[in-house]
Amino acid sequence: MHPFVETISIAGGIAAAIVSAIVLLTLFYRGMAWITGGAKPDTIAVRGVLKKDTLATVHVAGHKPFERVRFIGFTNSQTMKTHLPFELNGMVILEDEAKTRFLVRAKDIRMIVVPSDGEHLPSMESNL
């Protein structure tokens, strides 16, 4: 019985060390997320083309175009710890005039049409 108790006590000590390390790392990352406030969407600003209030038509592969939307930002795929699932990283956040927000996969955007100041946004559905 003596070798069995020694083996269990050694294995239990190792298991306790592993569990305590996992708990400590979990608390550390939760604390860091709480301090930094989590991941925020990055803003897009392309000088002279896309500004905060610029309305554009965004053509997406396999979907009708999003007309009269503005770019709010995008989900950051460089941060390891976010509140979003991994599948939602790398998405563009669009907002229409009714304040409805859309998350679109960035690699699915085929074309962005930004009209001049007085020009109406054309619909490209007839050309597709």
C-alpha atoms as a PDB file:
ATOM      1  CA  MET A   1       0.000   0.000   0.000  1.00  0.00           C
ATOM      2  CA  HIS A   2       2.913   2.328   0.702  1.00  0.00           C
ATOM      3  CA  PRO A   3       4.131   2.610  -2.990  1.00  0.00           C
ATOM      4  CA  PHE A   4       0.543   3.245  -4.094  1.00  0.00           C
ATOM      5  CA  VAL A   5       0.134   6.160  -1.656  1.00  0.00           C
ATOM      6  CA  GLU A   6       3.469   7.675  -2.746  1.00  0.00           C
ATOM      7  CA  THR A   7       2.503   7.423  -6.425  1.00  0.00           C
ATOM      8  CA  ILE A   8      -0.903   8.987  -5.833  1.00  0.00           C
ATOM      9  CA  SER A   9       0.594  11.791  -3.734  1.00  0.00           C
ATOM     10  CA  ILE A  10       3.170  12.620  -6.461  1.00  0.00           C
ATOM     11  CA  ALA A  11       0.531  12.515  -9.231  1.00  0.00           C
ATOM     12  CA  GLY A  12      -1.838  14.587  -7.084  1.00  0.00           C
ATOM     13  CA  GLY A  13       0.862  17.213  -6.499  1.00  0.00           C
ATOM     14  CA  ILE A  14       1.570  17.460 -10.225  1.00  0.00           C
ATOM     15  CA  ALA A  15      -2.154  17.666 -11.033  1.00  0.00           C
ATOM     16  CA  ALA A  16      -2.646  20.373  -8.395  1.00  0.00           C
ATOM     17  CA  ALA A  17       0.237  22.388  -9.875  1.00  0.00           C
ATOM     18  CA  ILE A  18      -1.223  22.116 -13.385  1.00  0.00           C
ATOM     19  CA  VAL A  19      -4.729  23.082 -12.242  1.00  0.00           C
ATOM     20  CA  SER A  20      -3.442  26.036 -10.231  1.00  0.00           C
ATOM     21  CA  ALA A  21      -1.385  27.239 -13.227  1.00  0.00           C
ATOM     22  CA  ILE A  22      -4.493  27.083 -15.454  1.00  0.00           C
ATOM     23  CA  VAL A  23      -6.556  29.006 -12.891  1.00  0.00           C
ATOM     24  CA  LEU A  24      -3.812  31.618 -12.507  1.00  0.00           C
ATOM     25  CA  LEU A  25      -3.504  32.144 -16.291  1.00  0.00           C
ATOM     26  CA  THR A  26      -7.282  32.359 -16.659  1.00  0.00           C
ATOM     27  CA  LEU A  27      -7.473  35.025 -13.968  1.00  0.00           C
ATOM     28  CA  PHE A  28      -4.562  36.908 -15.551  1.00  0.00           C
ATOM     29  CA  TYR A  29      -6.186  37.026 -19.024  1.00  0.00           C
ATOM     30  CA  ARG A  30      -9.595  37.947 -17.573  1.00  0.00           C
ATOM     31  CA  GLY A  31      -7.942  40.769 -15.621  1.00  0.00           C
ATOM     32  CA  MET A  32      -6.127  42.018 -18.712  1.00  0.00           C
ATOM     33  CA  ALA A  33      -9.368  41.961 -20.731  1.00  0.00           C
ATOM     34  CA  TRP A  34     -11.149  43.854 -17.950  1.00  0.00           C
ATOM     35  CA  ILE A  35      -8.390  46.477 -17.712  1.00  0.00           C
ATOM     36  CA  THR A  36      -8.141  47.063 -21.468  1.00  0.00           C
ATOM     37  CA  GLY A  37     -11.903  46.903 -21.959  1.00  0.00           C
ATOM     38  CA  GLY A  38     -11.752  44.111 -24.496  1.00  0.00           C
ATOM     39  CA  ALA A  39     -11.180  44.432 -28.222  1.00  0.00           C
ATOM     40  CA  LYS A  40     -12.866  47.357 -29.943  1.00  0.00           C
ATOM     41  CA  PRO A  41     -13.501  47.562 -33.679  1.00  0.00           C
ATOM     42  CA  ASP A  42     -10.772  49.453 -35.492  1.00  0.00           C
ATOM     43  CA  THR A  43     -11.850  52.472 -37.499  1.00  0.00           C
ATOM     44  CA  ILE A  44     -11.262  52.834 -41.197  1.00  0.00           C
ATOM     45  CA  ALA A  45     -10.077  56.166 -42.563  1.00  0.00           C
ATOM     46  CA  VAL A  46      -8.719  56.325 -46.089  1.00  0.00           C
ATOM     47  CA  ARG A  47      -7.634  59.897 -46.651  1.00  0.00           C
ATOM     48  CA  GLY A  48      -9.732  61.584 -49.328  1.00  0.00           C
ATOM     49  CA  VAL A  49     -11.882  58.521 -50.064  1.00  0.00           C
ATOM     50  CA  LEU A  50     -13.584  57.026 -47.013  1.00  0.00           C
ATOM     51  CA  LYS A  51     -14.395  59.368 -44.176  1.00  0.00           C
ATOM     52  CA  LYS A  52     -16.575  58.764 -41.146  1.00  0.00           C
ATOM     53  CA  ASP A  53     -19.785  59.960 -42.830  1.00  0.00           C
ATOM     54  CA  THR A  54     -19.090  58.867 -46.420  1.00  0.00           C
ATOM     55  CA  LEU A  55     -21.961  56.872 -47.903  1.00  0.00           C
ATOM     56  CA  ALA A  56     -20.935  54.189 -50.363  1.00  0.00           C
ATOM     57  CA  THR A  57     -22.253  51.147 -52.189  1.00  0.00           C
ATOM     58  CA  VAL A  58     -20.492  47.919 -51.201  1.00  0.00           C
ATOM     59  CA  HIS A  59     -20.707  44.995 -53.622  1.00  0.00           C
ATOM     60  CA  VAL A  60     -20.387  41.604 -51.961  1.00  0.00           C
ATOM     61  CA  ALA A  61     -19.792  38.286 -53.731  1.00  0.00           C
ATOM     62  CA  GLY A  62     -22.992  36.253 -54.010  1.00  0.00           C
ATOM     63  CA  HIS A  63     -25.232  38.931 -52.488  1.00  0.00           C
ATOM     64  CA  LYS A  64     -27.012  42.077 -53.609  1.00  0.00           C
ATOM     65  CA  PRO A  65     -25.017  45.254 -52.946  1.00  0.00           C
ATOM     66  CA  PHE A  66     -25.321  47.202 -49.707  1.00  0.00           C
ATOM     67  CA  GLU A  67     -26.366  50.683 -50.816  1.00  0.00           C
ATOM     68  CA  ARG A  68     -25.868  53.930 -48.899  1.00  0.00           C
ATOM     69  CA  VAL A  69     -23.822  52.449 -46.063  1.00  0.00           C
ATOM     70  CA  ARG A  70     -20.946  53.934 -44.106  1.00  0.00           C
ATOM     71  CA  PHE A  71     -17.915  52.096 -42.781  1.00  0.00           C
ATOM     72  CA  ILE A  72     -17.882  51.896 -38.994  1.00  0.00           C
ATOM     73  CA  GLY A  73     -14.786  49.718 -38.622  1.00  0.00           C
ATOM     74  CA  PHE A  74     -13.693  46.122 -38.699  1.00  0.00           C
ATOM     75  CA  THR A  75     -13.154  43.328 -36.235  1.00  0.00           C
ATOM     76  CA  ASN A  76      -9.489  42.938 -35.399  1.00  0.00           C
ATOM     77  CA  SER A  77      -8.024  39.511 -36.083  1.00  0.00           C
ATOM     78  CA  GLN A  78      -4.615  40.383 -34.604  1.00  0.00           C
ATOM     79  CA  THR A  79      -5.770  40.310 -30.981  1.00  0.00           C
ATOM     80  CA  MET A  80      -5.748  36.853 -29.406  1.00  0.00           C
ATOM     81  CA  LYS A  81      -8.229  37.501 -26.609  1.00  0.00           C
ATOM     82  CA  THR A  82     -11.509  38.997 -27.855  1.00  0.00           C
ATOM     83  CA  HIS A  83     -15.150  38.587 -26.982  1.00  0.00           C
ATOM     84  CA  LEU A  84     -15.903  37.465 -30.552  1.00  0.00           C
ATOM     85  CA  PRO A  85     -15.674  33.911 -31.825  1.00  0.00           C
ATOM     86  CA  PHE A  86     -12.723  33.240 -34.127  1.00  0.00           C
ATOM     87  CA  GLU A  87     -15.052  33.005 -37.146  1.00  0.00           C
ATOM     88  CA  LEU A  88     -16.143  36.650 -36.699  1.00  0.00           C
ATOM     89  CA  ASN A  89     -12.630  38.086 -36.913  1.00  0.00           C
ATOM     90  CA  GLY A  90     -11.699  39.949 -40.084  1.00  0.00           C
ATOM     91  CA  MET A  91     -15.201  41.289 -40.744  1.00  0.00           C
ATOM     92  CA  VAL A  92     -16.128  44.797 -41.884  1.00  0.00           C
ATOM     93  CA  ILE A  93     -18.829  46.644 -39.918  1.00  0.00           C
ATOM     94  CA  LEU A  94     -21.215  48.636 -42.126  1.00  0.00           C
ATOM     95  CA  GLU A  95     -24.088  50.885 -41.032  1.00  0.00           C
ATOM     96  CA  ASP A  96     -26.971  52.160 -43.152  1.00  0.00           C
ATOM     97  CA  GLU A  97     -28.976  55.359 -42.694  1.00  0.00           C
ATOM     98  CA  ALA A  98     -31.498  53.581 -40.443  1.00  0.00           C
ATOM     99  CA  LYS A  99     -28.616  52.710 -38.034  1.00  0.00           C
ATOM    100  CA  THR A 100     -28.805  49.006 -38.937  1.00  0.00           C
ATOM    101  CA  ARG A 101     -25.365  47.435 -38.688  1.00  0.00           C
ATOM    102  CA  PHE A 102     -24.036  44.643 -40.888  1.00  0.00           C
ATOM    103  CA  LEU A 103     -20.972  42.476 -40.398  1.00  0.00           C
ATOM    104  CA  VAL A 104     -19.592  41.406 -43.768  1.00  0.00           C
ATOM    105  CA  ARG A 105     -16.614  39.127 -44.298  1.00  0.00           C
ATOM    106  CA  ALA A 106     -13.863  41.403 -45.635  1.00  0.00           C
ATOM    107  CA  LYS A 107     -12.619  38.887 -48.206  1.00  0.00           C
ATOM    108  CA  ASP A 108     -16.127  38.743 -49.748  1.00  0.00           C
ATOM    109  CA  ILE A 109     -16.158  42.452 -50.669  1.00  0.00           C
ATOM    110  CA  ARG A 110     -15.613  42.741 -54.421  1.00  0.00           C
ATOM    111  CA  MET A 111     -16.049  46.462 -55.049  1.00  0.00           C
ATOM    112  CA  ILE A 112     -16.728  49.711 -53.171  1.00  0.00           C
ATOM    113  CA  VAL A 113     -18.355  52.585 -55.067  1.00  0.00           C
ATOM    114  CA  VAL A 114     -17.900  56.035 -53.529  1.00  0.00           C
ATOM    115  CA  PRO A 115     -19.732  58.738 -55.520  1.00  0.00           C
ATOM    116  CA  SER A 116     -18.634  62.340 -55.742  1.00  0.00           C
ATOM    117  CA  ASP A 117     -20.354  64.788 -53.391  1.00  0.00           C
ATOM    118  CA  GLY A 118     -23.440  65.615 -55.491  1.00  0.00           C
ATOM    119  CA  GLU A 119     -23.690  62.369 -57.419  1.00  0.00           C
ATOM    120  CA  HIS A 120     -26.331  59.692 -56.769  1.00  0.00           C
ATOM    121  CA  LEU A 121     -25.126  56.172 -55.912  1.00  0.00           C
ATOM    122  CA  PRO A 122     -25.793  53.948 -58.951  1.00  0.00           C
ATOM    123  CA  SER A 123     -27.145  50.453 -58.595  1.00  0.00           C
ATOM    124  CA  MET A 124     -24.973  47.855 -60.314  1.00  0.00           C
ATOM    125  CA  GLU A 125     -27.529  45.022 -60.152  1.00  0.00           C
ATOM    126  CA  SER A 126     -28.374  45.340 -63.851  1.00  0.00           C
ATOM    127  CA  ASN A 127     -24.679  44.976 -64.757  1.00  0.00           C
ATOM    128  CA  LEU A 128     -24.055  41.890 -62.622  1.00  0.00           C
END
